[in-house]
Amino acid sequence: MKDRIAAKLTAALAPVSITVTDESAQHEGHAGARPGGESHFHVQMVAAAFSGKSRVERHRLVNAALAEELNGPIHALRLTLKAPEEA
């Protein structure tokens, strides 16, 4: 799932840098956590697509790119999104 998230975001937003971390182990026993993990992720990304966009607009871009995953296997997605001039 981690690689799938990175691939979809790379295709959709052409980031300068992207790091996807599976944080599922930190949420064991929490609602939405699945055995075996791959349910909670942190995405850190720098992309020109975020320039001039508000935090909400940036999140919407990512959520649109990952709509299928957010409707299924991903329970939680923590986002750290920056434009190149902010990195």
PDB file of N, CA and C in Angstrom:
ATOM      1  N   MET A   1       0.820  -1.192   0.000  1.00  0.00           N
ATOM      2  CA  MET A   1       0.000   0.000   0.000  1.00  0.00           C
ATOM      3  C   MET A   1       0.870   1.264   0.000  1.00  0.00           C
ATOM      4  N   LYS A   2       1.953   1.213   0.741  1.00  0.00           N
ATOM      5  CA  LYS A   2       2.869   2.367   0.805  1.00  0.00           C
ATOM      6  C   LYS A   2       3.366   2.745  -0.588  1.00  0.00           C
ATOM      7  N   ASP A   3       3.796   1.761  -1.355  1.00  0.00           N
ATOM      8  CA  ASP A   3       4.290   2.011  -2.715  1.00  0.00           C
ATOM      9  C   ASP A   3       3.170   2.489  -3.640  1.00  0.00           C
ATOM     10  N   ARG A   4       1.980   1.949  -3.435  1.00  0.00           N
ATOM     11  CA  ARG A   4       0.822   2.351  -4.248  1.00  0.00           C
ATOM     12  C   ARG A   4       0.484   3.827  -4.001  1.00  0.00           C
ATOM     13  N   ILE A   5       0.512   4.242  -2.739  1.00  0.00           N
ATOM     14  CA  ILE A   5       0.251   5.644  -2.394  1.00  0.00           C
ATOM     15  C   ILE A   5       1.283   6.541  -3.062  1.00  0.00           C
ATOM     16  N   ALA A   6       2.556   6.195  -2.929  1.00  0.00           N
ATOM     17  CA  ALA A   6       3.632   6.997  -3.521  1.00  0.00           C
ATOM     18  C   ALA A   6       3.489   7.072  -5.039  1.00  0.00           C
ATOM     19  N   ALA A   7       3.175   5.954  -5.669  1.00  0.00           N
ATOM     20  CA  ALA A   7       3.042   5.925  -7.130  1.00  0.00           C
ATOM     21  C   ALA A   7       1.875   6.786  -7.601  1.00  0.00           C
ATOM     22  N   LYS A   8       0.742   6.690  -6.933  1.00  0.00           N
ATOM     23  CA  LYS A   8      -0.425   7.475  -7.348  1.00  0.00           C
ATOM     24  C   LYS A   8      -0.199   8.971  -7.159  1.00  0.00           C
ATOM     25  N   LEU A   9       0.416   9.344  -6.036  1.00  0.00           N
ATOM     26  CA  LEU A   9       0.675  10.758  -5.793  1.00  0.00           C
ATOM     27  C   LEU A   9       1.746  11.295  -6.737  1.00  0.00           C
ATOM     28  N   THR A  10       2.727  10.475  -7.068  1.00  0.00           N
ATOM     29  CA  THR A  10       3.757  10.889  -8.021  1.00  0.00           C
ATOM     30  C   THR A  10       3.142  11.121  -9.400  1.00  0.00           C
ATOM     31  N   ALA A  11       2.274  10.231  -9.824  1.00  0.00           N
ATOM     32  CA  ALA A  11       1.620  10.369 -11.126  1.00  0.00           C
ATOM     33  C   ALA A  11       0.701  11.590 -11.168  1.00  0.00           C
ATOM     34  N   ALA A  12       0.003  11.851 -10.072  1.00  0.00           N
ATOM     35  CA  ALA A  12      -0.977  12.933 -10.054  1.00  0.00           C
ATOM     36  C   ALA A  12      -0.373  14.313  -9.819  1.00  0.00           C
ATOM     37  N   LEU A  13       0.691  14.390  -8.978  1.00  0.00           N
ATOM     38  CA  LEU A  13       1.170  15.695  -8.532  1.00  0.00           C
ATOM     39  C   LEU A  13       2.641  15.977  -8.806  1.00  0.00           C
ATOM     40  N   ALA A  14       3.358  15.032  -9.395  1.00  0.00           N
ATOM     41  CA  ALA A  14       4.768  15.209  -9.765  1.00  0.00           C
ATOM     42  C   ALA A  14       5.588  15.885  -8.654  1.00  0.00           C
ATOM     43  N   PRO A  15       5.646  15.275  -7.474  1.00  0.00           N
ATOM     44  CA  PRO A  15       6.358  15.912  -6.366  1.00  0.00           C
ATOM     45  C   PRO A  15       7.861  16.006  -6.578  1.00  0.00           C
ATOM     46  N   VAL A  16       8.447  17.029  -5.951  1.00  0.00           N
ATOM     47  CA  VAL A  16       9.902  17.180  -5.902  1.00  0.00           C
ATOM     48  C   VAL A  16      10.456  16.123  -4.959  1.00  0.00           C
ATOM     49  N   SER A  17       9.721  15.865  -3.871  1.00  0.00           N
ATOM     50  CA  SER A  17      10.081  14.799  -2.933  1.00  0.00           C
ATOM     51  C   SER A  17       8.813  14.242  -2.308  1.00  0.00           C
ATOM     52  N   ILE A  18       8.881  12.962  -1.953  1.00  0.00           N
ATOM     53  CA  ILE A  18       7.746  12.309  -1.306  1.00  0.00           C
ATOM     54  C   ILE A  18       8.271  11.204  -0.394  1.00  0.00           C
ATOM     55  N   THR A  19       7.698  11.143   0.794  1.00  0.00           N
ATOM     56  CA  THR A  19       7.989  10.073   1.743  1.00  0.00           C
ATOM     57  C   THR A  19       6.657   9.584   2.283  1.00  0.00           C
ATOM     58  N   VAL A  20       6.446   8.281   2.209  1.00  0.00           N
ATOM     59  CA  VAL A  20       5.227   7.678   2.743  1.00  0.00           C
ATOM     60  C   VAL A  20       5.652   6.712   3.844  1.00  0.00           C
ATOM     61  N   THR A  21       5.106   6.920   5.032  1.00  0.00           N
ATOM     62  CA  THR A  21       5.456   6.096   6.187  1.00  0.00           C
ATOM     63  C   THR A  21       4.212   5.375   6.694  1.00  0.00           C
ATOM     64  N   ASP A  22       4.329   4.058   6.869  1.00  0.00           N
ATOM     65  CA  ASP A  22       3.238   3.270   7.439  1.00  0.00           C
ATOM     66  C   ASP A  22       3.312   3.416   8.958  1.00  0.00           C
ATOM     67  N   GLU A  23       2.325   4.077   9.551  1.00  0.00           N
ATOM     68  CA  GLU A  23       2.282   4.310  10.992  1.00  0.00           C
ATOM     69  C   GLU A  23       1.269   3.385  11.678  1.00  0.00           C
ATOM     70  N   SER A  24       0.861   2.338  11.001  1.00  0.00           N
ATOM     71  CA  SER A  24      -0.187   1.457  11.505  1.00  0.00           C
ATOM     72  C   SER A  24       0.162   0.832  12.850  1.00  0.00           C
ATOM     73  N   ALA A  25       1.426   0.496  13.058  1.00  0.00           N
ATOM     74  CA  ALA A  25       1.835  -0.152  14.316  1.00  0.00           C
ATOM     75  C   ALA A  25       1.554   0.744  15.520  1.00  0.00           C
ATOM     76  N   GLN A  26       1.564   2.046  15.310  1.00  0.00           N
ATOM     77  CA  GLN A  26       1.291   2.990  16.401  1.00  0.00           C
ATOM     78  C   GLN A  26      -0.191   3.034  16.766  1.00  0.00           C
ATOM     79  N   HIS A  27      -1.032   2.407  15.952  1.00  0.00           N
ATOM     80  CA  HIS A  27      -2.479   2.486  16.147  1.00  0.00           C
ATOM     81  C   HIS A  27      -3.112   1.121  16.388  1.00  0.00           C
ATOM     82  N   GLU A  28      -2.315   0.125  16.762  1.00  0.00           N
ATOM     83  CA  GLU A  28      -2.858  -1.205  17.042  1.00  0.00           C
ATOM     84  C   GLU A  28      -3.919  -1.108  18.130  1.00  0.00           C
ATOM     85  N   GLY A  29      -5.039  -1.787  17.920  1.00  0.00           N
ATOM     86  CA  GLY A  29      -6.136  -1.768  18.867  1.00  0.00           C
ATOM     87  C   GLY A  29      -7.083  -0.597  18.686  1.00  0.00           C
ATOM     88  N   HIS A  30      -6.703   0.350  17.860  1.00  0.00           N
ATOM     89  CA  HIS A  30      -7.521   1.536  17.569  1.00  0.00           C
ATOM     90  C   HIS A  30      -8.576   1.169  16.535  1.00  0.00           C
ATOM     91  N   ALA A  31      -9.715   1.815  16.596  1.00  0.00           N
ATOM     92  CA  ALA A  31     -10.762   1.583  15.597  1.00  0.00           C
ATOM     93  C   ALA A  31     -10.205   1.851  14.209  1.00  0.00           C
ATOM     94  N   GLY A  32     -10.468   0.951  13.287  1.00  0.00           N
ATOM     95  CA  GLY A  32      -9.994   1.115  11.915  1.00  0.00           C
ATOM     96  C   GLY A  32      -8.656   0.464  11.652  1.00  0.00           C
ATOM     97  N   ALA A  33      -7.939   0.105  12.711  1.00  0.00           N
ATOM     98  CA  ALA A  33      -6.643  -0.570  12.526  1.00  0.00           C
ATOM     99  C   ALA A  33      -6.898  -2.020  12.136  1.00  0.00           C
ATOM    100  N   ARG A  34      -6.194  -2.478  11.134  1.00  0.00           N
ATOM    101  CA  ARG A  34      -6.365  -3.846  10.655  1.00  0.00           C
ATOM    102  C   ARG A  34      -5.196  -4.706  11.094  1.00  0.00           C
ATOM    103  N   PRO A  35      -5.442  -5.985  11.312  1.00  0.00           N
ATOM    104  CA  PRO A  35      -4.320  -6.889  11.583  1.00  0.00           C
ATOM    105  C   PRO A  35      -3.368  -6.849  10.380  1.00  0.00           C
ATOM    106  N   GLY A  36      -2.094  -6.755  10.643  1.00  0.00           N
ATOM    107  CA  GLY A  36      -1.128  -6.686   9.552  1.00  0.00           C
ATOM    108  C   GLY A  36      -0.820  -5.273   9.117  1.00  0.00           C
ATOM    109  N   GLY A  37      -1.528  -4.292   9.648  1.00  0.00           N
ATOM    110  CA  GLY A  37      -1.223  -2.891   9.350  1.00  0.00           C
ATOM    111  C   GLY A  37      -1.746  -2.398   8.028  1.00  0.00           C
ATOM    112  N   GLU A  38      -1.003  -1.472   7.443  1.00  0.00           N
ATOM    113  CA  GLU A  38      -1.357  -0.820   6.179  1.00  0.00           C
ATOM    114  C   GLU A  38      -2.711  -0.124   6.241  1.00  0.00           C
ATOM    115  N   SER A  39      -2.964   0.566   7.345  1.00  0.00           N
ATOM    116  CA  SER A  39      -4.223   1.301   7.486  1.00  0.00           C
ATOM    117  C   SER A  39      -4.005   2.770   7.840  1.00  0.00           C
ATOM    118  N   HIS A  40      -2.851   3.100   8.428  1.00  0.00           N
ATOM    119  CA  HIS A  40      -2.543   4.470   8.865  1.00  0.00           C
ATOM    120  C   HIS A  40      -1.223   4.904   8.231  1.00  0.00           C
ATOM    121  N   PHE A  41      -1.252   6.030   7.522  1.00  0.00           N
ATOM    122  CA  PHE A  41      -0.059   6.478   6.804  1.00  0.00           C
ATOM    123  C   PHE A  41       0.209   7.959   7.036  1.00  0.00           C
ATOM    124  N   HIS A  42       1.482   8.315   6.935  1.00  0.00           N
ATOM    125  CA  HIS A  42       1.908   9.719   6.966  1.00  0.00           C
ATOM    126  C   HIS A  42       2.573  10.006   5.622  1.00  0.00           C
ATOM    127  N   VAL A  43       2.081  11.003   4.922  1.00  0.00           N
ATOM    128  CA  VAL A  43       2.662  11.412   3.645  1.00  0.00           C
ATOM    129  C   VAL A  43       3.310  12.781   3.840  1.00  0.00           C
ATOM    130  N   GLN A  44       4.598  12.846   3.535  1.00  0.00           N
ATOM    131  CA  GLN A  44       5.332  14.109   3.517  1.00  0.00           C
ATOM    132  C   GLN A  44       5.690  14.363   2.066  1.00  0.00           C
ATOM    133  N   MET A  45       5.251  15.502   1.544  1.00  0.00           N
ATOM    134  CA  MET A  45       5.446  15.744   0.118  1.00  0.00           C
ATOM    135  C   MET A  45       5.690  17.219  -0.157  1.00  0.00           C
ATOM    136  N   VAL A  46       6.601  17.474  -1.087  1.00  0.00           N
ATOM    137  CA  VAL A  46       6.874  18.808  -1.603  1.00  0.00           C
ATOM    138  C   VAL A  46       6.536  18.752  -3.091  1.00  0.00           C
ATOM    139  N   ALA A  47       5.651  19.655  -3.522  1.00  0.00           N
ATOM    140  CA  ALA A  47       5.238  19.658  -4.931  1.00  0.00           C
ATOM    141  C   ALA A  47       4.882  21.067  -5.380  1.00  0.00           C
ATOM    142  N   ALA A  48       5.243  21.388  -6.616  1.00  0.00           N
ATOM    143  CA  ALA A  48       4.895  22.684  -7.195  1.00  0.00           C
ATOM    144  C   ALA A  48       3.385  22.858  -7.278  1.00  0.00           C
ATOM    145  N   ALA A  49       2.654  21.760  -7.362  1.00  0.00           N
ATOM    146  CA  ALA A  49       1.191  21.812  -7.422  1.00  0.00           C
ATOM    147  C   ALA A  49       0.590  22.469  -6.185  1.00  0.00           C
ATOM    148  N   PHE A  50       1.353  22.552  -5.099  1.00  0.00           N
ATOM    149  CA  PHE A  50       0.859  23.155  -3.861  1.00  0.00           C
ATOM    150  C   PHE A  50       1.112  24.662  -3.780  1.00  0.00           C
ATOM    151  N   SER A  51       1.884  25.198  -4.689  1.00  0.00           N
ATOM    152  CA  SER A  51       2.182  26.633  -4.676  1.00  0.00           C
ATOM    153  C   SER A  51       0.899  27.443  -4.804  1.00  0.00           C
ATOM    154  N   GLY A  52       0.735  28.408  -3.915  1.00  0.00           N
ATOM    155  CA  GLY A  52      -0.431  29.278  -3.951  1.00  0.00           C
ATOM    156  C   GLY A  52      -1.712  28.645  -3.456  1.00  0.00           C
ATOM    157  N   LYS A  53      -1.636  27.417  -2.948  1.00  0.00           N
ATOM    158  CA  LYS A  53      -2.823  26.704  -2.470  1.00  0.00           C
ATOM    159  C   LYS A  53      -2.871  26.739  -0.944  1.00  0.00           C
ATOM    160  N   SER A  54      -4.088  26.789  -0.410  1.00  0.00           N
ATOM    161  CA  SER A  54      -4.281  26.726   1.037  1.00  0.00           C
ATOM    162  C   SER A  54      -4.061  25.284   1.506  1.00  0.00           C
ATOM    163  N   ARG A  55      -3.979  25.126   2.804  1.00  0.00           N
ATOM    164  CA  ARG A  55      -3.807  23.791   3.384  1.00  0.00           C
ATOM    165  C   ARG A  55      -4.965  22.881   2.967  1.00  0.00           C
ATOM    166  N   VAL A  56      -6.171  23.402   3.003  1.00  0.00           N
ATOM    167  CA  VAL A  56      -7.354  22.622   2.625  1.00  0.00           C
ATOM    168  C   VAL A  56      -7.289  22.232   1.151  1.00  0.00           C
ATOM    169  N   GLU A  57      -6.909  23.148   0.282  1.00  0.00           N
ATOM    170  CA  GLU A  57      -6.804  22.840  -1.149  1.00  0.00           C
ATOM    171  C   GLU A  57      -5.744  21.768  -1.400  1.00  0.00           C
ATOM    172  N   ARG A  58      -4.647  21.819  -0.678  1.00  0.00           N
ATOM    173  CA  ARG A  58      -3.596  20.804  -0.824  1.00  0.00           C
ATOM    174  C   ARG A  58      -4.121  19.428  -0.404  1.00  0.00           C
ATOM    175  N   HIS A  59      -4.823  19.387   0.711  1.00  0.00           N
ATOM    176  CA  HIS A  59      -5.385  18.121   1.183  1.00  0.00           C
ATOM    177  C   HIS A  59      -6.391  17.573   0.185  1.00  0.00           C
ATOM    178  N   ARG A  60      -7.178  18.449  -0.402  1.00  0.00           N
ATOM    179  CA  ARG A  60      -8.166  18.003  -1.394  1.00  0.00           C
ATOM    180  C   ARG A  60      -7.489  17.388  -2.616  1.00  0.00           C
ATOM    181  N   LEU A  61      -6.371  17.950  -3.047  1.00  0.00           N
ATOM    182  CA  LEU A  61      -5.630  17.383  -4.182  1.00  0.00           C
ATOM    183  C   LEU A  61      -5.163  15.962  -3.870  1.00  0.00           C
ATOM    184  N   VAL A  62      -4.618  15.776  -2.684  1.00  0.00           N
ATOM    185  CA  VAL A  62      -4.137  14.452  -2.281  1.00  0.00           C
ATOM    186  C   VAL A  62      -5.317  13.491  -2.125  1.00  0.00           C
ATOM    187  N   ASN A  63      -6.367  13.939  -1.462  1.00  0.00           N
ATOM    188  CA  ASN A  63      -7.538  13.075  -1.269  1.00  0.00           C
ATOM    189  C   ASN A  63      -8.155  12.652  -2.599  1.00  0.00           C
ATOM    190  N   ALA A  64      -8.173  13.539  -3.574  1.00  0.00           N
ATOM    191  CA  ALA A  64      -8.711  13.188  -4.894  1.00  0.00           C
ATOM    192  C   ALA A  64      -7.847  12.125  -5.567  1.00  0.00           C
ATOM    193  N   ALA A  65      -6.538  12.257  -5.441  1.00  0.00           N
ATOM    194  CA  ALA A  65      -5.628  11.282  -6.060  1.00  0.00           C
ATOM    195  C   ALA A  65      -5.739   9.912  -5.396  1.00  0.00           C
ATOM    196  N   LEU A  66      -6.097   9.897  -4.112  1.00  0.00           N
ATOM    197  CA  LEU A  66      -6.167   8.639  -3.356  1.00  0.00           C
ATOM    198  C   LEU A  66      -7.605   8.253  -2.995  1.00  0.00           C
ATOM    199  N   ALA A  67      -8.570   8.728  -3.769  1.00  0.00           N
ATOM    200  CA  ALA A  67      -9.984   8.496  -3.455  1.00  0.00           C
ATOM    201  C   ALA A  67     -10.307   7.011  -3.286  1.00  0.00           C
ATOM    202  N   GLU A  68      -9.812   6.180  -4.172  1.00  0.00           N
ATOM    203  CA  GLU A  68     -10.092   4.742  -4.109  1.00  0.00           C
ATOM    204  C   GLU A  68      -9.555   4.138  -2.813  1.00  0.00           C
ATOM    205  N   GLU A  69      -8.337   4.491  -2.461  1.00  0.00           N
ATOM    206  CA  GLU A  69      -7.708   3.942  -1.258  1.00  0.00           C
ATOM    207  C   GLU A  69      -8.381   4.465   0.018  1.00  0.00           C
ATOM    208  N   LEU A  70      -8.808   5.715   0.003  1.00  0.00           N
ATOM    209  CA  LEU A  70      -9.474   6.292   1.171  1.00  0.00           C
ATOM    210  C   LEU A  70     -10.870   5.709   1.387  1.00  0.00           C
ATOM    211  N   ASN A  71     -11.448   5.159   0.339  1.00  0.00           N
ATOM    212  CA  ASN A  71     -12.747   4.495   0.460  1.00  0.00           C
ATOM    213  C   ASN A  71     -12.614   3.026   0.827  1.00  0.00           C
ATOM    214  N   GLY A  72     -11.393   2.564   1.028  1.00  0.00           N
ATOM    215  CA  GLY A  72     -11.187   1.158   1.335  1.00  0.00           C
ATOM    216  C   GLY A  72     -10.126   0.933   2.377  1.00  0.00           C
ATOM    217  N   PRO A  73      -8.935   0.563   1.937  1.00  0.00           N
ATOM    218  CA  PRO A  73      -7.931   0.097   2.890  1.00  0.00           C
ATOM    219  C   PRO A  73      -7.314   1.153   3.803  1.00  0.00           C
ATOM    220  N   ILE A  74      -7.304   2.416   3.415  1.00  0.00           N
ATOM    221  CA  ILE A  74      -6.683   3.437   4.259  1.00  0.00           C
ATOM    222  C   ILE A  74      -7.712   3.966   5.250  1.00  0.00           C
ATOM    223  N   HIS A  75      -7.385   3.852   6.528  1.00  0.00           N
ATOM    224  CA  HIS A  75      -8.264   4.366   7.573  1.00  0.00           C
ATOM    225  C   HIS A  75      -7.900   5.808   7.944  1.00  0.00           C
ATOM    226  N   ALA A  76      -6.593   6.103   7.987  1.00  0.00           N
ATOM    227  CA  ALA A  76      -6.147   7.435   8.396  1.00  0.00           C
ATOM    228  C   ALA A  76      -4.948   7.854   7.554  1.00  0.00           C
ATOM    229  N   LEU A  77      -4.945   9.131   7.203  1.00  0.00           N
ATOM    230  CA  LEU A  77      -3.865   9.683   6.383  1.00  0.00           C
ATOM    231  C   LEU A  77      -3.445  11.018   6.991  1.00  0.00           C
ATOM    232  N   ARG A  78      -2.212  11.056   7.484  1.00  0.00           N
ATOM    233  CA  ARG A  78      -1.660  12.295   8.041  1.00  0.00           C
ATOM    234  C   ARG A  78      -0.819  12.933   6.936  1.00  0.00           C
ATOM    235  N   LEU A  79      -1.026  14.215   6.678  1.00  0.00           N
ATOM    236  CA  LEU A  79      -0.384  14.881   5.565  1.00  0.00           C
ATOM    237  C   LEU A  79       0.473  16.065   6.010  1.00  0.00           C
ATOM    238  N   THR A  80       1.684  16.102   5.480  1.00  0.00           N
ATOM    239  CA  THR A  80       2.582  17.252   5.620  1.00  0.00           C
ATOM    240  C   THR A  80       2.920  17.658   4.198  1.00  0.00           C
ATOM    241  N   LEU A  81       2.292  18.736   3.725  1.00  0.00           N
ATOM    242  CA  LEU A  81       2.379  19.124   2.324  1.00  0.00           C
ATOM    243  C   LEU A  81       2.957  20.526   2.193  1.00  0.00           C
ATOM    244  N   LYS A  82       3.998  20.657   1.368  1.00  0.00           N
ATOM    245  CA  LYS A  82       4.649  21.954   1.182  1.00  0.00           C
ATOM    246  C   LYS A  82       4.893  22.233  -0.293  1.00  0.00           C
ATOM    247  N   ALA A  83       4.891  23.507  -0.619  1.00  0.00           N
ATOM    248  CA  ALA A  83       5.324  23.961  -1.950  1.00  0.00           C
ATOM    249  C   ALA A  83       6.846  24.049  -1.913  1.00  0.00           C
ATOM    250  N   PRO A  84       7.511  23.981  -3.060  1.00  0.00           N
ATOM    251  CA  PRO A  84       8.995  24.034  -3.074  1.00  0.00           C
ATOM    252  C   PRO A  84       9.566  25.256  -2.355  1.00  0.00           C
ATOM    253  N   GLU A  85       8.910  26.399  -2.453  1.00  0.00           N
ATOM    254  CA  GLU A  85       9.433  27.605  -1.808  1.00  0.00           C
ATOM    255  C   GLU A  85       9.297  27.552  -0.283  1.00  0.00           C
ATOM    256  N   GLU A  86       8.552  26.592   0.240  1.00  0.00           N
ATOM    257  CA  GLU A  86       8.381  26.439   1.690  1.00  0.00           C
ATOM    258  C   GLU A  86       9.306  25.381   2.283  1.00  0.00           C
ATOM    259  N   ALA A  87       9.855  24.570   1.416  1.00  0.00           N
ATOM    260  CA  ALA A  87      10.674  23.436   1.888  1.00  0.00           C
ATOM    261  C   ALA A  87      12.056  23.887   2.339  1.00  0.00           C
TER     262      ALA A  87
END
